[in-house]
Amino acid sequence: MANQLRTHFLNQGFRKKGLAVNSKLPDGSVFVFRGVDAKGRIVILLLVNLPAKEGQPANQNINLRLSYVENPDSPNIYKIKEDDF
């Protein structure tokens, strides 16, 4: 699935600047794809292989995360104010 999505995104004309394909991160995760389109929107496809829990076989916690950020300079994130609790 990760390879198919990466191929799909590579065929969509993302900018060369900021493009990352199969880039390993320090925590062992892999940017399968990260790209910025002509309108400045970002697509991130991240493959994460979480460490196995005790007694559990390795590679049982693999997940693929697809993120789409419409406005990376001003993300629409709800922030909890300090006095809300």
C-alpha atoms as a PDB file:
ATOM      1  CA  MET A   1       0.000   0.000   0.000  1.00  0.00           C
ATOM      2  CA  ALA A   2       2.804   2.449   0.878  1.00  0.00           C
ATOM      3  CA  ASN A   3       4.540   1.865  -2.450  1.00  0.00           C
ATOM      4  CA  GLN A   4       1.320   2.331  -4.402  1.00  0.00           C
ATOM      5  CA  LEU A   5       0.529   5.607  -2.648  1.00  0.00           C
ATOM      6  CA  ARG A   6       4.106   6.862  -3.099  1.00  0.00           C
ATOM      7  CA  THR A   7       3.922   6.117  -6.832  1.00  0.00           C
ATOM      8  CA  HIS A   8       0.559   7.881  -7.047  1.00  0.00           C
ATOM      9  CA  PHE A   9       1.888  11.011  -5.344  1.00  0.00           C
ATOM     10  CA  LEU A  10       5.072  11.030  -7.431  1.00  0.00           C
ATOM     11  CA  ASN A  11       2.873  11.185 -10.536  1.00  0.00           C
ATOM     12  CA  GLN A  12       0.923  14.205  -9.256  1.00  0.00           C
ATOM     13  CA  GLY A  13       3.519  16.881 -10.071  1.00  0.00           C
ATOM     14  CA  PHE A  14       4.685  17.895  -6.593  1.00  0.00           C
ATOM     15  CA  ARG A  15       7.496  20.456  -6.415  1.00  0.00           C
ATOM     16  CA  LYS A  16      11.079  19.162  -6.391  1.00  0.00           C
ATOM     17  CA  LYS A  17      11.934  21.526  -3.517  1.00  0.00           C
ATOM     18  CA  GLY A  18      10.953  19.878  -0.247  1.00  0.00           C
ATOM     19  CA  LEU A  19      10.335  16.497  -1.860  1.00  0.00           C
ATOM     20  CA  ALA A  20      11.354  13.523   0.283  1.00  0.00           C
ATOM     21  CA  VAL A  21      11.012   9.921  -0.818  1.00  0.00           C
ATOM     22  CA  ASN A  22      11.961   6.917   1.325  1.00  0.00           C
ATOM     23  CA  SER A  23      13.847   9.071   3.817  1.00  0.00           C
ATOM     24  CA  LYS A  24      14.641   7.373   7.109  1.00  0.00           C
ATOM     25  CA  LEU A  25      14.114   9.441  10.258  1.00  0.00           C
ATOM     26  CA  PRO A  26      16.201   9.129  13.451  1.00  0.00           C
ATOM     27  CA  ASP A  27      13.404   7.231  15.259  1.00  0.00           C
ATOM     28  CA  GLY A  28      13.347   4.573  12.519  1.00  0.00           C
ATOM     29  CA  SER A  29      10.210   5.906  10.822  1.00  0.00           C
ATOM     30  CA  VAL A  30      10.345   6.467   7.069  1.00  0.00           C
ATOM     31  CA  PHE A  31       9.021   9.374   5.053  1.00  0.00           C
ATOM     32  CA  VAL A  32       7.661   7.235   2.228  1.00  0.00           C
ATOM     33  CA  PHE A  33       6.623  10.504   0.598  1.00  0.00           C
ATOM     34  CA  ARG A  34       6.587  14.154   1.575  1.00  0.00           C
ATOM     35  CA  GLY A  35       5.768  16.780  -0.998  1.00  0.00           C
ATOM     36  CA  VAL A  36       4.467  20.294  -1.455  1.00  0.00           C
ATOM     37  CA  ASP A  37       2.064  21.017  -4.301  1.00  0.00           C
ATOM     38  CA  ALA A  38       1.803  24.176  -6.415  1.00  0.00           C
ATOM     39  CA  LYS A  39      -0.641  25.737  -3.915  1.00  0.00           C
ATOM     40  CA  GLY A  40       1.709  25.132  -0.954  1.00  0.00           C
ATOM     41  CA  ARG A  41      -0.255  22.208   0.518  1.00  0.00           C
ATOM     42  CA  ILE A  42       1.735  19.346   2.032  1.00  0.00           C
ATOM     43  CA  VAL A  43       1.168  15.610   1.766  1.00  0.00           C
ATOM     44  CA  ILE A  44       3.064  13.325   4.144  1.00  0.00           C
ATOM     45  CA  LEU A  45       3.053   9.548   3.965  1.00  0.00           C
ATOM     46  CA  LEU A  46       4.866   8.171   7.001  1.00  0.00           C
ATOM     47  CA  LEU A  47       5.626   4.519   7.735  1.00  0.00           C
ATOM     48  CA  VAL A  48       6.058   3.813  11.450  1.00  0.00           C
ATOM     49  CA  ASN A  49       7.210   0.526  12.937  1.00  0.00           C
ATOM     50  CA  LEU A  50       6.660   0.872  16.678  1.00  0.00           C
ATOM     51  CA  PRO A  51       8.853  -1.255  18.971  1.00  0.00           C
ATOM     52  CA  ALA A  52       7.363  -4.613  19.931  1.00  0.00           C
ATOM     53  CA  LYS A  53       5.884  -4.907  23.386  1.00  0.00           C
ATOM     54  CA  GLU A  54       7.359  -7.471  25.730  1.00  0.00           C
ATOM     55  CA  GLY A  55       6.461 -10.970  24.610  1.00  0.00           C
ATOM     56  CA  GLN A  56       5.118  -9.765  21.275  1.00  0.00           C
ATOM     57  CA  PRO A  57       6.742 -10.690  17.940  1.00  0.00           C
ATOM     58  CA  ALA A  58       8.557  -7.916  16.060  1.00  0.00           C
ATOM     59  CA  ASN A  59       6.840  -5.960  13.271  1.00  0.00           C
ATOM     60  CA  GLN A  60       3.338  -6.275  14.739  1.00  0.00           C
ATOM     61  CA  ASN A  61       2.872  -2.530  15.263  1.00  0.00           C
ATOM     62  CA  ILE A  62       3.502  -1.203  11.753  1.00  0.00           C
ATOM     63  CA  ASN A  63       1.258   1.635  10.662  1.00  0.00           C
ATOM     64  CA  LEU A  64       1.023   3.939   7.696  1.00  0.00           C
ATOM     65  CA  ARG A  65       0.012   7.540   8.312  1.00  0.00           C
ATOM     66  CA  LEU A  66      -1.238   9.821   5.581  1.00  0.00           C
ATOM     67  CA  SER A  67      -1.434  13.523   6.440  1.00  0.00           C
ATOM     68  CA  TYR A  68      -2.693  16.376   4.319  1.00  0.00           C
ATOM     69  CA  VAL A  69      -1.975  19.916   5.484  1.00  0.00           C
ATOM     70  CA  GLU A  70      -3.917  22.502   3.539  1.00  0.00           C
ATOM     71  CA  ASN A  71      -2.223  25.544   5.048  1.00  0.00           C
ATOM     72  CA  PRO A  72       1.102  24.624   6.703  1.00  0.00           C
ATOM     73  CA  ASP A  73       1.923  28.273   7.509  1.00  0.00           C
ATOM     74  CA  SER A  74      -1.275  28.628   9.525  1.00  0.00           C
ATOM     75  CA  PRO A  75      -2.545  25.165  10.485  1.00  0.00           C
ATOM     76  CA  ASN A  76      -6.095  24.821  11.723  1.00  0.00           C
ATOM     77  CA  ILE A  77      -5.242  23.406  15.133  1.00  0.00           C
ATOM     78  CA  TYR A  78      -7.468  23.785  18.142  1.00  0.00           C
ATOM     79  CA  LYS A  79      -5.392  24.969  21.075  1.00  0.00           C
ATOM     80  CA  ILE A  80      -6.451  24.590  24.680  1.00  0.00           C
ATOM     81  CA  LYS A  81      -5.902  27.735  26.684  1.00  0.00           C
ATOM     82  CA  GLU A  82      -4.052  27.548  29.961  1.00  0.00           C
ATOM     83  CA  ASP A  83      -7.158  28.484  32.024  1.00  0.00           C
ATOM     84  CA  ASP A  84      -9.521  25.993  30.298  1.00  0.00           C
ATOM     85  CA  PHE A  85      -8.959  23.366  33.005  1.00  0.00           C
END
